[in-house]
Amino acid sequence: MGLPKLAVIIPCFNEREVIGETLRRVFKVLGELEEKALVSKESYVLVVDDGSKDGTWEVIRGLKSKYGNKLKGIKLRRNFGHQNALLCGMLESEYDVAITMDADLQDPPELMEEMVKLYHGGYEIIYGVRRERDVDSNFKRISASLFYNLMERMGVRIVKNHADFRLVSREVVETLREFKEVNLFLRALFPYLGFKGKELYYRRRERFAGKSKYPITKMVSFALEGITSFSVAPLRLILFSGFVLFLVATLLSLWAVGVKIMGRSIPGWFSIALPLYLLNGINLMAIGIVGEYVGKIYMEVKRRPRYLIEERL
């Protein structure tokens, strides 16, 4: 059996400032891997432009003459989201093993050699896991910790502090191809597949250039996507809350009857308005959670494409 053909897949969205430096460093490591006979000389880098508006695709086109056939590109018709861009790169290319990484250089390309060595050691998924979050803001550190703890409590199998810096074998991706859902949460899907995996710890760096593409609103949306894609715990929480409220209401009713019999009934805002606001708030929250799941069903039954390709390099 010959050397594995490696594809380094890099999704990007408005990364004009950094993509040139990212490719320079990735190709440097790729050349070293080829020289050390760890991967085939047919290995390459694939950049997936997720509907960038800042001229990222033009930069990639310009770099094609420098790197030749070692650089491939896919331009999506619009922004389909980071997870769909990753999936597109994995499904629309040929390779024996793939490494996915973001374009912002927070994940060091130099770690690819260790990943490939672990692959040769028999592992089919290698998860890049950050040791600490010292480059993140206090808010991001706290919110990330809450997110992973919440996912674990809801029974979702996920690698803590792992983003999308990973190595996967072709067999893993072919198995992933069988999953047709539109609501993608790859961070939990890969552990779910059950392949032999290994965690590789590293120190994440600050962005080389540009701004983060994950503001608070996107982070919250991503967390909600992950929870509702892999767990029905929120629905069961509604059932449990309803049961608890039923018990509380029953006890309060008995208390109110007892107070009335004793002639000490005190009509007022607390006994009328507070329960009203409380129950209405819980009802709205319950409807919202159920609506989130109904919305997912709606998106799934339409079976729309997860991405559309406009151009290839």
Protein backbone atom coordinates (compact mmCIF):
# COMPACT_ATOMS: atom_id res chain seq x y z
CA MET A 1 0.00 0.00 0.00
CA GLY A 2 1.38 3.38 -1.04
CA LEU A 3 1.61 6.62 0.85
CA PRO A 4 -1.73 8.28 1.72
CA LYS A 5 -2.92 11.20 -0.37
CA LEU A 6 -3.55 14.10 2.01
CA ALA A 7 -6.02 16.93 1.45
CA VAL A 8 -5.77 19.96 3.73
CA ILE A 9 -9.24 21.53 3.67
CA ILE A 10 -9.56 25.18 4.68
CA PRO A 11 -13.00 26.85 4.73
CA CYS A 12 -12.84 30.63 4.71
CA PHE A 13 -15.20 33.58 4.87
CA ASN A 14 -13.80 37.09 4.35
CA GLU A 15 -10.20 36.03 5.06
CA ARG A 16 -8.39 38.12 2.42
CA GLU A 17 -5.92 39.49 4.97
CA VAL A 18 -4.72 36.11 6.19
CA ILE A 19 -5.27 33.48 3.47
CA GLY A 20 -1.92 34.15 1.75
CA GLU A 21 0.08 33.59 4.95
CA THR A 22 -2.05 30.58 5.86
CA LEU A 23 -1.32 28.89 2.53
CA ARG A 24 2.40 29.70 2.76
CA ARG A 25 2.69 27.96 6.13
CA VAL A 26 0.46 25.04 5.20
CA PHE A 27 2.40 24.35 1.99
CA LYS A 28 5.67 24.54 3.91
CA VAL A 29 4.48 21.79 6.29
CA LEU A 30 2.97 19.81 3.41
CA GLY A 31 6.33 19.85 1.61
CA GLU A 32 8.07 18.58 4.75
CA LEU A 33 5.53 15.74 5.07
CA GLU A 34 6.20 14.72 1.48
CA GLU A 35 9.99 14.84 1.98
CA LYS A 36 9.69 12.63 5.06
CA ALA A 37 7.57 10.15 3.07
CA LEU A 38 4.60 10.52 5.40
CA VAL A 39 2.16 11.49 2.64
CA SER A 40 1.97 11.13 -1.13
CA LYS A 41 3.38 13.80 -3.45
CA GLU A 42 -0.13 14.04 -4.90
CA SER A 43 -1.30 15.70 -1.67
CA TYR A 44 -2.83 19.14 -1.98
CA VAL A 45 -4.64 22.03 -0.26
CA LEU A 46 -8.32 22.76 -0.92
CA VAL A 47 -9.74 26.17 0.00
CA VAL A 48 -13.53 26.51 0.23
CA ASP A 49 -14.71 30.11 -0.12
CA ASP A 50 -17.98 30.35 1.81
CA GLY A 51 -19.44 33.33 -0.03
CA SER A 52 -16.78 35.90 0.91
CA LYS A 53 -17.44 39.55 0.05
CA ASP A 54 -13.94 40.99 0.55
CA GLY A 55 -12.15 39.56 -2.48
CA THR A 56 -10.91 36.37 -0.82
CA TRP A 57 -11.65 34.31 -3.95
CA GLU A 58 -9.65 36.69 -6.13
CA VAL A 59 -6.66 36.26 -3.81
CA ILE A 60 -7.00 32.46 -4.03
CA ARG A 61 -7.16 32.69 -7.82
CA GLY A 62 -4.03 34.82 -7.87
CA LEU A 63 -2.15 32.27 -5.76
CA LYS A 64 -3.08 29.45 -8.16
CA SER A 65 -0.19 30.34 -10.47
CA LYS A 66 2.24 30.15 -7.53
CA TYR A 67 1.19 26.75 -6.20
CA GLY A 68 -0.16 25.14 -9.39
CA ASN A 69 -2.05 21.87 -9.04
CA LYS A 70 -1.16 21.68 -5.34
CA LEU A 71 -3.81 24.33 -4.70
CA LYS A 72 -7.47 23.63 -5.42
CA GLY A 73 -10.46 25.82 -4.69
CA ILE A 74 -14.24 25.73 -4.44
CA LYS A 75 -16.35 28.88 -4.44
CA LEU A 76 -19.86 28.56 -2.96
CA ARG A 77 -22.65 30.67 -4.42
CA ARG A 78 -23.35 32.35 -1.10
CA ASN A 79 -22.56 32.01 2.58
CA PHE A 80 -23.89 28.59 3.64
CA GLY A 81 -22.19 28.57 7.03
CA HIS A 82 -18.92 27.20 8.37
CA GLN A 83 -20.17 23.63 8.93
CA ASN A 84 -21.57 23.32 5.41
CA ALA A 85 -18.37 24.73 3.90
CA LEU A 86 -16.38 22.11 5.84
CA LEU A 87 -18.72 19.36 4.65
CA CYS A 88 -18.44 20.56 1.05
CA GLY A 89 -14.64 20.36 1.19
CA MET A 90 -14.72 16.84 2.59
CA LEU A 91 -17.34 15.47 0.19
CA GLU A 92 -16.27 17.18 -3.02
CA SER A 93 -12.63 16.07 -3.20
CA GLU A 94 -10.54 12.90 -3.52
CA TYR A 95 -8.02 11.83 -0.88
CA ASP A 96 -7.06 9.05 1.52
CA VAL A 97 -6.91 11.29 4.57
CA ALA A 98 -8.00 14.88 5.20
CA ILE A 99 -7.08 17.58 7.70
CA THR A 100 -9.57 20.39 8.25
CA MET A 101 -8.53 23.70 9.77
CA ASP A 102 -9.66 27.32 9.87
CA ALA A 103 -7.92 30.01 7.84
CA ASP A 104 -7.11 32.34 10.76
CA LEU A 105 -3.91 30.49 11.86
CA GLN A 106 -5.17 30.04 15.42
CA ASP A 107 -4.66 26.33 14.80
CA PRO A 108 -0.93 25.80 14.01
CA PRO A 109 -0.33 24.04 10.65
CA GLU A 110 2.89 22.65 12.14
CA LEU A 111 0.75 20.23 14.17
CA MET A 112 -0.25 18.41 10.97
CA GLU A 113 2.88 16.24 11.10
CA GLU A 114 1.94 14.83 14.50
CA MET A 115 -1.60 14.20 13.23
CA VAL A 116 -0.33 12.25 10.22
CA LYS A 117 1.98 10.18 12.42
CA LEU A 118 -0.96 9.28 14.66
CA TYR A 119 -2.92 8.31 11.54
CA HIS A 120 -0.08 5.96 10.55
CA GLY A 121 -0.33 4.58 14.09
CA GLY A 122 -3.87 3.36 13.42
CA TYR A 123 -6.10 6.25 14.47
CA GLU A 124 -8.82 7.34 12.03
CA ILE A 125 -9.88 10.59 13.72
CA ILE A 126 -7.41 12.91 15.45
CA TYR A 127 -9.01 15.79 17.36
CA GLY A 128 -7.01 18.98 17.83
CA VAL A 129 -7.84 20.07 21.38
CA ARG A 130 -6.67 23.34 22.92
CA ARG A 131 -4.96 23.07 26.30
CA GLU A 132 -6.23 26.39 27.59
CA ARG A 133 -8.28 29.35 26.40
CA ASP A 134 -5.91 32.14 27.42
CA VAL A 135 -6.32 33.97 24.09
CA ASP A 136 -10.09 34.18 24.57
CA SER A 137 -12.00 36.89 26.41
CA ASN A 138 -13.42 36.15 29.86
CA PHE A 139 -16.91 36.01 28.38
CA LYS A 140 -15.89 33.47 25.74
CA ARG A 141 -14.07 31.29 28.28
CA ILE A 142 -17.08 31.24 30.63
CA SER A 143 -19.63 30.72 27.84
CA ALA A 144 -17.55 27.91 26.27
CA SER A 145 -17.25 26.15 29.62
CA LEU A 146 -21.02 26.43 30.18
CA PHE A 147 -21.69 25.15 26.66
CA TYR A 148 -19.55 22.01 26.98
CA ASN A 149 -20.90 21.25 30.46
CA LEU A 150 -24.46 21.68 29.22
CA MET A 151 -23.84 19.40 26.24
CA GLU A 152 -22.41 16.70 28.51
CA ARG A 153 -25.34 16.93 30.94
CA MET A 154 -27.76 16.52 28.03
CA GLY A 155 -26.04 13.31 26.95
CA VAL A 156 -24.27 14.68 23.87
CA ARG A 157 -20.92 13.01 23.24
CA ILE A 158 -18.47 15.79 22.38
CA VAL A 159 -14.73 16.41 22.73
CA LYS A 160 -14.29 19.32 25.11
CA ASN A 161 -12.39 22.34 23.71
CA HIS A 162 -12.22 20.80 20.24
CA ALA A 163 -13.32 22.98 17.33
CA ASP A 164 -12.83 21.87 13.72
CA PHE A 165 -9.07 21.23 13.61
CA ARG A 166 -9.00 17.49 12.97
CA LEU A 167 -7.72 14.66 10.80
CA VAL A 168 -10.16 12.12 9.35
CA SER A 169 -9.66 9.07 7.16
CA ARG A 170 -11.54 8.51 3.93
CA GLU A 171 -13.59 5.75 5.56
CA VAL A 172 -14.77 8.20 8.21
CA VAL A 173 -15.89 10.69 5.58
CA GLU A 174 -17.68 8.02 3.53
CA THR A 175 -19.57 7.03 6.66
CA LEU A 176 -20.38 10.70 7.28
CA ARG A 177 -21.72 10.94 3.73
CA GLU A 178 -24.61 8.67 4.74
CA PHE A 179 -25.87 11.30 7.20
CA LYS A 180 -28.28 13.43 5.18
CA GLU A 181 -29.51 15.89 7.79
CA VAL A 182 -29.50 19.60 6.98
CA ASN A 183 -28.92 20.65 10.59
CA LEU A 184 -25.20 19.93 10.88
CA PHE A 185 -23.13 19.86 14.05
CA LEU A 186 -19.91 18.14 13.02
CA ARG A 187 -18.22 18.45 16.41
CA ALA A 188 -20.65 15.93 17.85
CA LEU A 189 -21.15 13.89 14.67
CA PHE A 190 -17.55 12.65 14.47
CA PRO A 191 -17.47 11.15 18.00
CA TYR A 192 -20.91 9.68 17.28
CA LEU A 193 -19.51 7.68 14.31
CA GLY A 194 -17.54 5.44 16.67
CA PHE A 195 -14.18 5.33 14.85
CA LYS A 196 -10.90 4.98 16.73
CA GLY A 197 -9.95 8.51 17.78
CA LYS A 198 -7.17 10.33 19.58
CA GLU A 199 -6.98 13.77 21.19
CA LEU A 200 -3.94 15.90 20.34
CA TYR A 201 -3.46 18.86 22.69
CA TYR A 202 -1.96 22.18 21.62
CA ARG A 203 -1.92 25.86 22.54
CA ARG A 204 -4.23 27.93 20.38
CA ARG A 205 -2.90 31.27 19.18
CA GLU A 206 -4.48 34.62 18.47
CA ARG A 207 -5.78 35.38 14.99
CA PHE A 208 -2.99 36.30 12.55
CA ALA A 209 -5.18 39.02 11.00
CA GLY A 210 -8.81 39.98 10.48
CA LYS A 211 -11.77 39.70 12.82
CA SER A 212 -13.57 36.76 14.35
CA LYS A 213 -16.48 35.46 12.27
CA TYR A 214 -18.29 34.26 15.42
CA PRO A 215 -19.95 37.16 17.26
CA ILE A 216 -22.12 36.48 20.31
CA THR A 217 -25.27 35.97 18.24
CA LYS A 218 -23.61 33.29 16.09
CA MET A 219 -22.11 31.61 19.15
CA VAL A 220 -25.55 31.36 20.78
CA SER A 221 -27.10 30.09 17.53
CA PHE A 222 -24.31 27.51 17.15
CA ALA A 223 -24.79 26.29 20.72
CA LEU A 224 -28.55 26.00 20.21
CA GLU A 225 -27.93 24.10 16.97
CA GLY A 226 -25.67 21.63 18.73
CA ILE A 227 -28.03 20.99 21.64
CA THR A 228 -31.19 20.56 19.59
CA SER A 229 -29.46 18.46 16.90
CA PHE A 230 -28.29 15.80 19.32
CA SER A 231 -30.58 15.84 22.33
CA VAL A 232 -34.28 15.83 23.17
CA ALA A 233 -33.44 16.78 26.76
CA PRO A 234 -35.01 20.28 26.42
CA LEU A 235 -38.33 18.67 25.49
CA ARG A 236 -38.12 16.36 28.49
CA LEU A 237 -37.26 19.37 30.64
CA ILE A 238 -40.55 20.96 29.58
CA LEU A 239 -42.41 17.81 30.67
CA PHE A 240 -40.58 17.77 34.00
CA SER A 241 -41.22 21.50 34.56
CA GLY A 242 -44.91 21.02 33.81
CA PHE A 243 -45.13 18.21 36.34
CA VAL A 244 -43.35 20.27 39.03
CA LEU A 245 -45.63 23.26 38.37
CA PHE A 246 -48.66 20.97 38.63
CA LEU A 247 -47.50 19.82 42.07
CA VAL A 248 -46.76 23.39 43.19
CA ALA A 249 -50.16 24.59 41.92
CA THR A 250 -51.89 21.73 43.75
CA LEU A 251 -50.13 22.57 47.02
CA LEU A 252 -50.90 26.29 46.63
CA SER A 253 -54.56 25.46 45.97
CA LEU A 254 -54.74 23.40 49.15
CA TRP A 255 -53.04 26.23 51.07
CA ALA A 256 -55.48 28.81 49.64
CA VAL A 257 -58.48 26.65 50.63
CA GLY A 258 -57.05 26.20 54.14
CA VAL A 259 -56.46 29.93 54.56
CA LYS A 260 -59.98 30.68 53.31
CA ILE A 261 -61.55 28.22 55.78
CA MET A 262 -59.57 29.84 58.59
CA GLY A 263 -60.92 33.23 57.54
CA ARG A 264 -57.52 34.76 56.92
CA SER A 265 -57.69 35.14 53.17
CA ILE A 266 -55.67 38.16 51.97
CA PRO A 267 -56.48 39.03 48.34
CA GLY A 268 -53.68 40.80 46.51
CA TRP A 269 -51.17 41.07 43.70
CA PHE A 270 -48.89 38.30 44.92
CA SER A 271 -51.56 35.60 44.84
CA ILE A 272 -52.92 36.58 41.41
CA ALA A 273 -50.40 38.40 39.22
CA LEU A 274 -47.18 36.61 40.14
CA PRO A 275 -48.39 33.08 39.26
CA LEU A 276 -49.93 34.51 36.08
CA TYR A 277 -46.65 36.04 34.91
CA LEU A 278 -44.69 32.96 35.96
CA LEU A 279 -46.90 30.49 34.12
CA ASN A 280 -47.12 32.66 30.99
CA GLY A 281 -43.33 32.98 30.92
CA ILE A 282 -42.90 29.22 31.23
CA ASN A 283 -45.51 28.63 28.53
CA LEU A 284 -43.74 30.96 26.12
CA MET A 285 -40.40 29.30 26.84
CA ALA A 286 -41.93 25.86 26.27
CA ILE A 287 -43.52 26.95 23.00
CA GLY A 288 -40.16 28.39 21.90
CA ILE A 289 -38.31 25.14 22.60
CA VAL A 290 -40.93 23.05 20.83
CA GLY A 291 -40.85 25.56 17.97
CA GLU A 292 -37.09 25.10 17.62
CA TYR A 293 -37.55 21.38 17.07
CA VAL A 294 -40.50 21.90 14.72
CA GLY A 295 -38.33 24.34 12.75
CA LYS A 296 -35.65 21.68 12.42
CA ILE A 297 -38.22 19.19 11.14
CA TYR A 298 -39.38 21.82 8.63
CA MET A 299 -35.82 22.34 7.36
CA GLU A 300 -35.18 18.59 7.10
CA VAL A 301 -38.33 17.66 5.16
CA LYS A 302 -37.61 20.27 2.47
CA ARG A 303 -34.34 18.41 1.66
CA ARG A 304 -32.66 21.49 0.22
CA PRO A 305 -28.98 21.21 -0.78
CA ARG A 306 -26.57 21.95 2.05
CA TYR A 307 -24.36 23.96 -0.30
CA LEU A 308 -24.24 25.11 -3.94
CA ILE A 309 -20.98 25.36 -5.87
CA GLU A 310 -20.40 28.32 -8.20
CA GLU A 311 -16.83 27.72 -9.36
CA ARG A 312 -13.90 25.33 -8.97
CA LEU A 313 -10.16 25.76 -9.29
